[in-house]
Amino acid sequence: MAKTIGDLAVLVRSKNAGPFWLTFDVMFNDEAVYRRVRDSQVINAKDVARTFHRNAEEVIVVNHDAALAVKVSFPRPQSSGSKLDNDVYGGQQYAPLLNLVVPD
């Protein structure tokens, strides 16, 4: 049965990386699981961009093998604290990553 990032990761979070960028951390506590996710490339710039309505050229995805983590960053749709902002700290933006299906 296929698993999702929400099933496999020990922690998925989002936060501001300054007032103009969001960053997401997807962390694992098992090297084999991390490598499965990393090697499947289920977390990639194109799909993240589609999920969050961004341009793929704006999305940065970095695999951190030593930390068993994947980091994703991209510009915020509006700056933190602007009148159009609905999440000043960026802490509620990670949820769509939880449903990404990781192939067996």
PDB file of N, CA and C in Angstrom:
ATOM      1  N   MET A   1       0.838  -1.186   0.000  1.00  0.00           N
ATOM      2  CA  MET A   1       0.000   0.000   0.000  1.00  0.00           C
ATOM      3  C   MET A   1       0.885   1.252   0.000  1.00  0.00           C
ATOM      4  N   ALA A   2       0.564   2.179  -0.849  1.00  0.00           N
ATOM      5  CA  ALA A   2       1.341   3.418  -0.944  1.00  0.00           C
ATOM      6  C   ALA A   2       1.207   4.237   0.337  1.00  0.00           C
ATOM      7  N   LYS A   3       2.282   4.912   0.677  1.00  0.00           N
ATOM      8  CA  LYS A   3       2.305   5.778   1.860  1.00  0.00           C
ATOM      9  C   LYS A   3       2.447   7.222   1.411  1.00  0.00           C
ATOM     10  N   THR A   4       2.046   8.124   2.286  1.00  0.00           N
ATOM     11  CA  THR A   4       2.172   9.552   2.017  1.00  0.00           C
ATOM     12  C   THR A   4       3.321  10.129   2.847  1.00  0.00           C
ATOM     13  N   ILE A   5       3.699  11.340   2.510  1.00  0.00           N
ATOM     14  CA  ILE A   5       4.701  12.039   3.320  1.00  0.00           C
ATOM     15  C   ILE A   5       4.225  12.120   4.768  1.00  0.00           C
ATOM     16  N   GLY A   6       2.936  12.365   4.964  1.00  0.00           N
ATOM     17  CA  GLY A   6       2.383  12.423   6.321  1.00  0.00           C
ATOM     18  C   GLY A   6       2.551  11.118   7.082  1.00  0.00           C
ATOM     19  N   ASP A   7       2.510   9.994   6.374  1.00  0.00           N
ATOM     20  CA  ASP A   7       2.710   8.689   7.000  1.00  0.00           C
ATOM     21  C   ASP A   7       4.172   8.445   7.355  1.00  0.00           C
ATOM     22  N   LEU A   8       5.078   8.925   6.525  1.00  0.00           N
ATOM     23  CA  LEU A   8       6.489   8.548   6.622  1.00  0.00           C
ATOM     24  C   LEU A   8       7.375   9.525   7.382  1.00  0.00           C
ATOM     25  N   ALA A   9       7.060  10.797   7.325  1.00  0.00           N
ATOM     26  CA  ALA A   9       7.916  11.808   7.963  1.00  0.00           C
ATOM     27  C   ALA A   9       7.649  11.869   9.458  1.00  0.00           C
ATOM     28  N   VAL A  10       8.686  12.174  10.207  1.00  0.00           N
ATOM     29  CA  VAL A  10       8.541  12.362  11.648  1.00  0.00           C
ATOM     30  C   VAL A  10       8.114  13.801  11.947  1.00  0.00           C
ATOM     31  N   LEU A  11       8.457  14.730  11.043  1.00  0.00           N
ATOM     32  CA  LEU A  11       8.084  16.132  11.225  1.00  0.00           C
ATOM     33  C   LEU A  11       7.989  16.807   9.861  1.00  0.00           C
ATOM     34  N   VAL A  12       6.902  17.508   9.650  1.00  0.00           N
ATOM     35  CA  VAL A  12       6.737  18.366   8.478  1.00  0.00           C
ATOM     36  C   VAL A  12       6.295  19.713   9.009  1.00  0.00           C
ATOM     37  N   ARG A  13       7.043  20.764   8.645  1.00  0.00           N
ATOM     38  CA  ARG A  13       6.700  22.084   9.160  1.00  0.00           C
ATOM     39  C   ARG A  13       7.005  23.137   8.104  1.00  0.00           C
ATOM     40  N   SER A  14       6.363  24.277   8.282  1.00  0.00           N
ATOM     41  CA  SER A  14       6.649  25.437   7.441  1.00  0.00           C
ATOM     42  C   SER A  14       6.847  26.636   8.346  1.00  0.00           C
ATOM     43  N   LYS A  15       7.596  27.603   7.825  1.00  0.00           N
ATOM     44  CA  LYS A  15       7.839  28.819   8.598  1.00  0.00           C
ATOM     45  C   LYS A  15       8.378  29.885   7.656  1.00  0.00           C
ATOM     46  N   ASN A  16       8.398  31.090   8.153  1.00  0.00           N
ATOM     47  CA  ASN A  16       8.986  32.176   7.387  1.00  0.00           C
ATOM     48  C   ASN A  16      10.492  31.993   7.301  1.00  0.00           C
ATOM     49  N   ALA A  17      11.026  32.392   6.164  1.00  0.00           N
ATOM     50  CA  ALA A  17      12.477  32.539   6.011  1.00  0.00           C
ATOM     51  C   ALA A  17      12.660  34.009   5.657  1.00  0.00           C
ATOM     52  N   GLY A  18      12.421  34.852   6.635  1.00  0.00           N
ATOM     53  CA  GLY A  18      12.348  36.292   6.400  1.00  0.00           C
ATOM     54  C   GLY A  18      10.922  36.647   6.006  1.00  0.00           C
ATOM     55  N   PRO A  19      10.630  37.917   5.780  1.00  0.00           N
ATOM     56  CA  PRO A  19       9.252  38.325   5.489  1.00  0.00           C
ATOM     57  C   PRO A  19       8.786  37.990   4.081  1.00  0.00           C
ATOM     58  N   PHE A  20       9.703  37.574   3.195  1.00  0.00           N
ATOM     59  CA  PHE A  20       9.336  37.388   1.797  1.00  0.00           C
ATOM     60  C   PHE A  20       9.450  35.957   1.288  1.00  0.00           C
ATOM     61  N   TRP A  21       9.903  35.035   2.132  1.00  0.00           N
ATOM     62  CA  TRP A  21      10.074  33.645   1.724  1.00  0.00           C
ATOM     63  C   TRP A  21       9.438  32.706   2.739  1.00  0.00           C
ATOM     64  N   LEU A  22       8.954  31.552   2.249  1.00  0.00           N
ATOM     65  CA  LEU A  22       8.503  30.445   3.088  1.00  0.00           C
ATOM     66  C   LEU A  22       9.503  29.314   2.937  1.00  0.00           C
ATOM     67  N   THR A  23       9.705  28.573   4.001  1.00  0.00           N
ATOM     68  CA  THR A  23      10.547  27.392   3.930  1.00  0.00           C
ATOM     69  C   THR A  23       9.822  26.232   4.608  1.00  0.00           C
ATOM     70  N   PHE A  24      10.016  25.057   4.074  1.00  0.00           N
ATOM     71  CA  PHE A  24       9.360  23.837   4.542  1.00  0.00           C
ATOM     72  C   PHE A  24      10.444  22.827   4.878  1.00  0.00           C
ATOM     73  N   ASP A  25      10.278  22.135   5.986  1.00  0.00           N
ATOM     74  CA  ASP A  25      11.196  21.074   6.380  1.00  0.00           C
ATOM     75  C   ASP A  25      10.410  19.774   6.462  1.00  0.00           C
ATOM     76  N   VAL A  26      10.923  18.744   5.792  1.00  0.00           N
ATOM     77  CA  VAL A  26      10.342  17.406   5.854  1.00  0.00           C
ATOM     78  C   VAL A  26      11.446  16.517   6.422  1.00  0.00           C
ATOM     79  N   MET A  27      11.237  16.013   7.653  1.00  0.00           N
ATOM     80  CA  MET A  27      12.293  15.309   8.373  1.00  0.00           C
ATOM     81  C   MET A  27      11.897  13.861   8.663  1.00  0.00           C
ATOM     82  N   PHE A  28      12.907  13.018   8.638  1.00  0.00           N
ATOM     83  CA  PHE A  28      12.709  11.579   8.837  1.00  0.00           C
ATOM     84  C   PHE A  28      13.650  11.092   9.934  1.00  0.00           C
ATOM     85  N   ASN A  29      13.274  10.003  10.593  1.00  0.00           N
ATOM     86  CA  ASN A  29      14.154   9.431  11.609  1.00  0.00           C
ATOM     87  C   ASN A  29      14.690   8.071  11.189  1.00  0.00           C
ATOM     88  N   ASP A  30      14.450   7.713   9.931  1.00  0.00           N
ATOM     89  CA  ASP A  30      14.911   6.440   9.400  1.00  0.00           C
ATOM     90  C   ASP A  30      15.586   6.706   8.049  1.00  0.00           C
ATOM     91  N   GLU A  31      16.859   6.308   7.928  1.00  0.00           N
ATOM     92  CA  GLU A  31      17.611   6.600   6.711  1.00  0.00           C
ATOM     93  C   GLU A  31      17.002   5.947   5.472  1.00  0.00           C
ATOM     94  N   ALA A  32      16.530   4.723   5.600  1.00  0.00           N
ATOM     95  CA  ALA A  32      15.937   4.028   4.455  1.00  0.00           C
ATOM     96  C   ALA A  32      14.671   4.739   3.972  1.00  0.00           C
ATOM     97  N   VAL A  33      13.869   5.212   4.892  1.00  0.00           N
ATOM     98  CA  VAL A  33      12.648   5.938   4.529  1.00  0.00           C
ATOM     99  C   VAL A  33      13.010   7.259   3.863  1.00  0.00           C
ATOM    100  N   TYR A  34      13.973   7.977   4.449  1.00  0.00           N
ATOM    101  CA  TYR A  34      14.420   9.233   3.842  1.00  0.00           C
ATOM    102  C   TYR A  34      14.897   9.000   2.412  1.00  0.00           C
ATOM    103  N   ARG A  35      15.739   7.987   2.213  1.00  0.00           N
ATOM    104  CA  ARG A  35      16.277   7.706   0.881  1.00  0.00           C
ATOM    105  C   ARG A  35      15.166   7.308  -0.098  1.00  0.00           C
ATOM    106  N   ARG A  36      14.164   6.603   0.399  1.00  0.00           N
ATOM    107  CA  ARG A  36      13.017   6.233  -0.446  1.00  0.00           C
ATOM    108  C   ARG A  36      12.310   7.491  -0.947  1.00  0.00           C
ATOM    109  N   VAL A  37      12.074   8.426  -0.044  1.00  0.00           N
ATOM    110  CA  VAL A  37      11.414   9.680  -0.424  1.00  0.00           C
ATOM    111  C   VAL A  37      12.315  10.487  -1.347  1.00  0.00           C
ATOM    112  N   ARG A  38      13.569  10.639  -0.971  1.00  0.00           N
ATOM    113  CA  ARG A  38      14.518  11.410  -1.784  1.00  0.00           C
ATOM    114  C   ARG A  38      14.634  10.829  -3.186  1.00  0.00           C
ATOM    115  N   ASP A  39      14.829   9.529  -3.273  1.00  0.00           N
ATOM    116  CA  ASP A  39      15.061   8.887  -4.565  1.00  0.00           C
ATOM    117  C   ASP A  39      13.802   8.871  -5.443  1.00  0.00           C
ATOM    118  N   SER A  40      12.640   8.900  -4.828  1.00  0.00           N
ATOM    119  CA  SER A  40      11.396   8.939  -5.609  1.00  0.00           C
ATOM    120  C   SER A  40      11.162  10.312  -6.237  1.00  0.00           C
ATOM    121  N   GLN A  41      11.820  11.324  -5.699  1.00  0.00           N
ATOM    122  CA  GLN A  41      11.674  12.710  -6.145  1.00  0.00           C
ATOM    123  C   GLN A  41      10.215  13.179  -6.107  1.00  0.00           C
ATOM    124  N   VAL A  42       9.476  12.656  -5.147  1.00  0.00           N
ATOM    125  CA  VAL A  42       8.090  13.082  -4.991  1.00  0.00           C
ATOM    126  C   VAL A  42       8.025  14.548  -4.543  1.00  0.00           C
ATOM    127  N   ILE A  43       9.057  15.006  -3.852  1.00  0.00           N
ATOM    128  CA  ILE A  43       9.153  16.418  -3.480  1.00  0.00           C
ATOM    129  C   ILE A  43      10.089  17.064  -4.501  1.00  0.00           C
ATOM    130  N   ASN A  44       9.506  17.702  -5.503  1.00  0.00           N
ATOM    131  CA  ASN A  44      10.288  18.316  -6.577  1.00  0.00           C
ATOM    132  C   ASN A  44       9.706  19.687  -6.905  1.00  0.00           C
ATOM    133  N   ALA A  45      10.510  20.513  -7.540  1.00  0.00           N
ATOM    134  CA  ALA A  45      10.126  21.904  -7.794  1.00  0.00           C
ATOM    135  C   ALA A  45       8.845  22.010  -8.612  1.00  0.00           C
ATOM    136  N   LYS A  46       8.697  21.186  -9.629  1.00  0.00           N
ATOM    137  CA  LYS A  46       7.518  21.271 -10.501  1.00  0.00           C
ATOM    138  C   LYS A  46       6.220  20.981  -9.743  1.00  0.00           C
ATOM    139  N   ASP A  47       6.216  19.883  -8.983  1.00  0.00           N
ATOM    140  CA  ASP A  47       4.989  19.509  -8.267  1.00  0.00           C
ATOM    141  C   ASP A  47       4.704  20.427  -7.083  1.00  0.00           C
ATOM    142  N   VAL A  48       5.752  20.867  -6.398  1.00  0.00           N
ATOM    143  CA  VAL A  48       5.556  21.823  -5.304  1.00  0.00           C
ATOM    144  C   VAL A  48       4.983  23.129  -5.869  1.00  0.00           C
ATOM    145  N   ALA A  49       5.520  23.567  -6.991  1.00  0.00           N
ATOM    146  CA  ALA A  49       5.020  24.803  -7.611  1.00  0.00           C
ATOM    147  C   ALA A  49       3.544  24.674  -7.976  1.00  0.00           C
ATOM    148  N   ARG A  50       3.169  23.546  -8.550  1.00  0.00           N
ATOM    149  CA  ARG A  50       1.760  23.334  -8.907  1.00  0.00           C
ATOM    150  C   ARG A  50       0.877  23.315  -7.653  1.00  0.00           C
ATOM    151  N   THR A  51       1.338  22.644  -6.616  1.00  0.00           N
ATOM    152  CA  THR A  51       0.566  22.528  -5.376  1.00  0.00           C
ATOM    153  C   THR A  51       0.332  23.886  -4.721  1.00  0.00           C
ATOM    154  N   PHE A  52       1.359  24.741  -4.746  1.00  0.00           N
ATOM    155  CA  PHE A  52       1.279  26.023  -4.047  1.00  0.00           C
ATOM    156  C   PHE A  52       1.072  27.212  -4.991  1.00  0.00           C
ATOM    157  N   HIS A  53       0.737  26.911  -6.244  1.00  0.00           N
ATOM    158  CA  HIS A  53       0.437  27.961  -7.233  1.00  0.00           C
ATOM    159  C   HIS A  53       1.589  28.951  -7.382  1.00  0.00           C
ATOM    160  N   ARG A  54       2.792  28.405  -7.558  1.00  0.00           N
ATOM    161  CA  ARG A  54       4.005  29.194  -7.755  1.00  0.00           C
ATOM    162  C   ARG A  54       4.616  28.806  -9.104  1.00  0.00           C
ATOM    163  N   ASN A  55       5.632  29.521  -9.518  1.00  0.00           N
ATOM    164  CA  ASN A  55       6.400  29.141 -10.700  1.00  0.00           C
ATOM    165  C   ASN A  55       7.494  28.180 -10.270  1.00  0.00           C
ATOM    166  N   ALA A  56       7.706  27.122 -11.042  1.00  0.00           N
ATOM    167  CA  ALA A  56       8.718  26.125 -10.685  1.00  0.00           C
ATOM    168  C   ALA A  56      10.113  26.747 -10.571  1.00  0.00           C
ATOM    169  N   GLU A  57      10.375  27.788 -11.346  1.00  0.00           N
ATOM    170  CA  GLU A  57      11.688  28.438 -11.302  1.00  0.00           C
ATOM    171  C   GLU A  57      11.944  29.117  -9.957  1.00  0.00           C
ATOM    172  N   GLU A  58      10.889  29.385  -9.190  1.00  0.00           N
ATOM    173  CA  GLU A  58      11.019  30.038  -7.883  1.00  0.00           C
ATOM    174  C   GLU A  58      11.248  29.046  -6.742  1.00  0.00           C
ATOM    175  N   VAL A  59      10.995  27.779  -6.996  1.00  0.00           N
ATOM    176  CA  VAL A  59      11.017  26.763  -5.938  1.00  0.00           C
ATOM    177  C   VAL A  59      12.412  26.141  -5.829  1.00  0.00           C
ATOM    178  N   ILE A  60      12.921  26.105  -4.609  1.00  0.00           N
ATOM    179  CA  ILE A  60      14.219  25.487  -4.317  1.00  0.00           C
ATOM    180  C   ILE A  60      13.957  24.241  -3.469  1.00  0.00           C
ATOM    181  N   VAL A  61      14.472  23.108  -3.919  1.00  0.00           N
ATOM    182  CA  VAL A  61      14.365  21.857  -3.167  1.00  0.00           C
ATOM    183  C   VAL A  61      15.781  21.370  -2.899  1.00  0.00           C
ATOM    184  N   VAL A  62      16.089  21.133  -1.620  1.00  0.00           N
ATOM    185  CA  VAL A  62      17.426  20.674  -1.232  1.00  0.00           C
ATOM    186  C   VAL A  62      17.273  19.433  -0.358  1.00  0.00           C
ATOM    187  N   ASN A  63      17.981  18.373  -0.746  1.00  0.00           N
ATOM    188  CA  ASN A  63      18.024  17.153   0.055  1.00  0.00           C
ATOM    189  C   ASN A  63      19.233  17.226   0.981  1.00  0.00           C
ATOM    190  N   HIS A  64      18.992  17.042   2.276  1.00  0.00           N
ATOM    191  CA  HIS A  64      20.065  17.076   3.276  1.00  0.00           C
ATOM    192  C   HIS A  64      20.270  15.661   3.805  1.00  0.00           C
ATOM    193  N   ASP A  65      21.181  14.932   3.174  1.00  0.00           N
ATOM    194  CA  ASP A  65      21.390  13.528   3.538  1.00  0.00           C
ATOM    195  C   ASP A  65      21.811  13.361   4.999  1.00  0.00           C
ATOM    196  N   ALA A  66      22.713  14.200   5.477  1.00  0.00           N
ATOM    197  CA  ALA A  66      23.202  14.067   6.855  1.00  0.00           C
ATOM    198  C   ALA A  66      22.093  14.294   7.882  1.00  0.00           C
ATOM    199  N   ALA A  67      21.131  15.137   7.536  1.00  0.00           N
ATOM    200  CA  ALA A  67      20.031  15.454   8.461  1.00  0.00           C
ATOM    201  C   ALA A  67      18.792  14.607   8.209  1.00  0.00           C
ATOM    202  N   LEU A  68      18.821  13.768   7.181  1.00  0.00           N
ATOM    203  CA  LEU A  68      17.640  12.981   6.786  1.00  0.00           C
ATOM    204  C   LEU A  68      16.435  13.904   6.580  1.00  0.00           C
ATOM    205  N   ALA A  69      16.655  14.953   5.812  1.00  0.00           N
ATOM    206  CA  ALA A  69      15.613  15.965   5.645  1.00  0.00           C
ATOM    207  C   ALA A  69      15.604  16.519   4.220  1.00  0.00           C
ATOM    208  N   VAL A  70      14.430  16.968   3.820  1.00  0.00           N
ATOM    209  CA  VAL A  70      14.256  17.684   2.560  1.00  0.00           C
ATOM    210  C   VAL A  70      13.771  19.080   2.920  1.00  0.00           C
ATOM    211  N   LYS A  71      14.396  20.089   2.324  1.00  0.00           N
ATOM    212  CA  LYS A  71      14.018  21.482   2.566  1.00  0.00           C
ATOM    213  C   LYS A  71      13.513  22.061   1.258  1.00  0.00           C
ATOM    214  N   VAL A  72      12.399  22.772   1.348  1.00  0.00           N
ATOM    215  CA  VAL A  72      11.794  23.434   0.196  1.00  0.00           C
ATOM    216  C   VAL A  72      11.615  24.899   0.558  1.00  0.00           C
ATOM    217  N   SER A  73      11.965  25.789  -0.354  1.00  0.00           N
ATOM    218  CA  SER A  73      11.775  27.225  -0.121  1.00  0.00           C
ATOM    219  C   SER A  73      11.255  27.883  -1.392  1.00  0.00           C
ATOM    220  N   PHE A  74      10.431  28.902  -1.201  1.00  0.00           N
ATOM    221  CA  PHE A  74       9.976  29.717  -2.333  1.00  0.00           C
ATOM    222  C   PHE A  74       9.434  31.040  -1.800  1.00  0.00           C
ATOM    223  N   PRO A  75       9.350  32.046  -2.670  1.00  0.00           N
ATOM    224  CA  PRO A  75       8.836  33.343  -2.227  1.00  0.00           C
ATOM    225  C   PRO A  75       7.389  33.234  -1.753  1.00  0.00           C
ATOM    226  N   ARG A  76       7.080  33.981  -0.710  1.00  0.00           N
ATOM    227  CA  ARG A  76       5.701  34.048  -0.222  1.00  0.00           C
ATOM    228  C   ARG A  76       4.822  34.723  -1.269  1.00  0.00           C
ATOM    229  N   PRO A  77       3.550  34.352  -1.377  1.00  0.00           N
ATOM    230  CA  PRO A  77       2.656  35.028  -2.318  1.00  0.00           C
ATOM    231  C   PRO A  77       2.453  36.504  -1.960  1.00  0.00           C
ATOM    232  N   GLN A  78       2.526  36.819  -0.683  1.00  0.00           N
ATOM    233  CA  GLN A  78       2.517  38.203  -0.193  1.00  0.00           C
ATOM    234  C   GLN A  78       3.407  38.248   1.043  1.00  0.00           C
ATOM    235  N   SER A  79       3.960  39.383   1.331  1.00  0.00           N
ATOM    236  CA  SER A  79       4.907  39.461   2.442  1.00  0.00           C
ATOM    237  C   SER A  79       4.209  39.213   3.779  1.00  0.00           C
ATOM    238  N   SER A  80       4.976  38.707   4.715  1.00  0.00           N
ATOM    239  CA  SER A  80       4.467  38.447   6.051  1.00  0.00           C
ATOM    240  C   SER A  80       3.953  39.735   6.677  1.00  0.00           C
ATOM    241  N   GLY A  81       2.736  39.688   7.172  1.00  0.00           N
ATOM    242  CA  GLY A  81       2.147  40.841   7.839  1.00  0.00           C
ATOM    243  C   GLY A  81       1.448  41.824   6.925  1.00  0.00           C
ATOM    244  N   SER A  82       1.480  41.587   5.617  1.00  0.00           N
ATOM    245  CA  SER A  82       0.765  42.494   4.711  1.00  0.00           C
ATOM    246  C   SER A  82      -0.739  42.302   4.900  1.00  0.00           C
ATOM    247  N   LYS A  83      -1.515  43.223   4.396  1.00  0.00           N
ATOM    248  CA  LYS A  83      -2.969  43.131   4.600  1.00  0.00           C
ATOM    249  C   LYS A  83      -3.583  41.915   3.916  1.00  0.00           C
ATOM    250  N   LEU A  84      -2.898  41.327   2.939  1.00  0.00           N
ATOM    251  CA  LEU A  84      -3.406  40.130   2.263  1.00  0.00           C
ATOM    252  C   LEU A  84      -2.907  38.835   2.897  1.00  0.00           C
ATOM    253  N   ASP A  85      -2.017  38.931   3.859  1.00  0.00           N
ATOM    254  CA  ASP A  85      -1.418  37.762   4.481  1.00  0.00           C
ATOM    255  C   ASP A  85      -2.381  37.142   5.487  1.00  0.00           C
ATOM    256  N   ASN A  86      -2.555  35.816   5.402  1.00  0.00           N
ATOM    257  CA  ASN A  86      -3.441  35.132   6.350  1.00  0.00           C
ATOM    258  C   ASN A  86      -2.681  34.179   7.273  1.00  0.00           C
ATOM    259  N   ASP A  87      -1.338  34.220   7.239  1.00  0.00           N
ATOM    260  CA  ASP A  87      -0.522  33.363   8.089  1.00  0.00           C
ATOM    261  C   ASP A  87       0.816  34.064   8.328  1.00  0.00           C
ATOM    262  N   VAL A  88       0.848  34.972   9.270  1.00  0.00           N
ATOM    263  CA  VAL A  88       2.000  35.848   9.498  1.00  0.00           C
ATOM    264  C   VAL A  88       3.298  35.067   9.688  1.00  0.00           C
ATOM    265  N   TYR A  89       3.257  33.949  10.398  1.00  0.00           N
ATOM    266  CA  TYR A  89       4.469  33.186  10.682  1.00  0.00           C
ATOM    267  C   TYR A  89       4.743  32.088   9.658  1.00  0.00           C
ATOM    268  N   GLY A  90       3.818  31.858   8.741  1.00  0.00           N
ATOM    269  CA  GLY A  90       4.000  30.820   7.731  1.00  0.00           C
ATOM    270  C   GLY A  90       3.872  29.410   8.263  1.00  0.00           C
ATOM    271  N   GLY A  91       3.416  29.261   9.480  1.00  0.00           N
ATOM    272  CA  GLY A  91       3.373  27.955  10.134  1.00  0.00           C
ATOM    273  C   GLY A  91       2.238  27.046   9.718  1.00  0.00           C
ATOM    274  N   GLN A  92       1.313  27.521   8.900  1.00  0.00           N
ATOM    275  CA  GLN A  92       0.161  26.707   8.510  1.00  0.00           C
ATOM    276  C   GLN A  92       0.207  26.289   7.042  1.00  0.00           C
ATOM    277  N   GLN A  93       1.318  26.494   6.382  1.00  0.00           N
ATOM    278  CA  GLN A  93       1.394  26.277   4.933  1.00  0.00           C
ATOM    279  C   GLN A  93       1.811  24.870   4.519  1.00  0.00           C
ATOM    280  N   TYR A  94       2.290  24.064   5.428  1.00  0.00           N
ATOM    281  CA  TYR A  94       2.866  22.760   5.112  1.00  0.00           C
ATOM    282  C   TYR A  94       1.858  21.682   4.741  1.00  0.00           C
ATOM    283  N   ALA A  95       0.605  21.825   5.111  1.00  0.00           N
ATOM    284  CA  ALA A  95      -0.387  20.746   5.020  1.00  0.00           C
ATOM    285  C   ALA A  95      -0.461  20.056   3.651  1.00  0.00           C
ATOM    286  N   PRO A  96      -0.406  20.756   2.514  1.00  0.00           N
ATOM    287  CA  PRO A  96      -0.489  20.041   1.243  1.00  0.00           C
ATOM    288  C   PRO A  96       0.639  19.035   1.005  1.00  0.00           C
ATOM    289  N   LEU A  97       1.777  19.218   1.639  1.00  0.00           N
ATOM    290  CA  LEU A  97       2.875  18.262   1.472  1.00  0.00           C
ATOM    291  C   LEU A  97       2.552  16.917   2.114  1.00  0.00           C
ATOM    292  N   LEU A  98       1.707  16.913   3.133  1.00  0.00           N
ATOM    293  CA  LEU A  98       1.389  15.684   3.850  1.00  0.00           C
ATOM    294  C   LEU A  98       0.748  14.629   2.959  1.00  0.00           C
ATOM    295  N   ASN A  99       0.025  15.069   1.922  1.00  0.00           N
ATOM    296  CA  ASN A  99      -0.718  14.144   1.077  1.00  0.00           C
ATOM    297  C   ASN A  99       0.048  13.645  -0.144  1.00  0.00           C
ATOM    298  N   LEU A 100       1.310  14.060  -0.309  1.00  0.00           N
ATOM    299  CA  LEU A 100       2.093  13.579  -1.443  1.00  0.00           C
ATOM    300  C   LEU A 100       2.330  12.080  -1.291  1.00  0.00           C
ATOM    301  N   VAL A 101       2.001  11.322  -2.327  1.00  0.00           N
ATOM    302  CA  VAL A 101       2.129   9.876  -2.275  1.00  0.00           C
ATOM    303  C   VAL A 101       3.537   9.469  -2.694  1.00  0.00           C
ATOM    304  N   VAL A 102       4.159   8.646  -1.850  1.00  0.00           N
ATOM    305  CA  VAL A 102       5.513   8.152  -2.102  1.00  0.00           C
ATOM    306  C   VAL A 102       5.392   6.739  -2.695  1.00  0.00           C
ATOM    307  N   PRO A 103       5.927   6.542  -3.898  1.00  0.00           N
ATOM    308  CA  PRO A 103       5.821   5.220  -4.505  1.00  0.00           C
ATOM    309  C   PRO A 103       6.536   4.150  -3.676  1.00  0.00           C
ATOM    310  N   ASP A 104       6.045   2.923  -3.783  1.00  0.00           N
ATOM    311  CA  ASP A 104       6.679   1.784  -3.075  1.00  0.00           C
ATOM    312  C   ASP A 104       8.022   1.471  -3.678  1.00  0.00           C
TER     313      ASP A 104
END
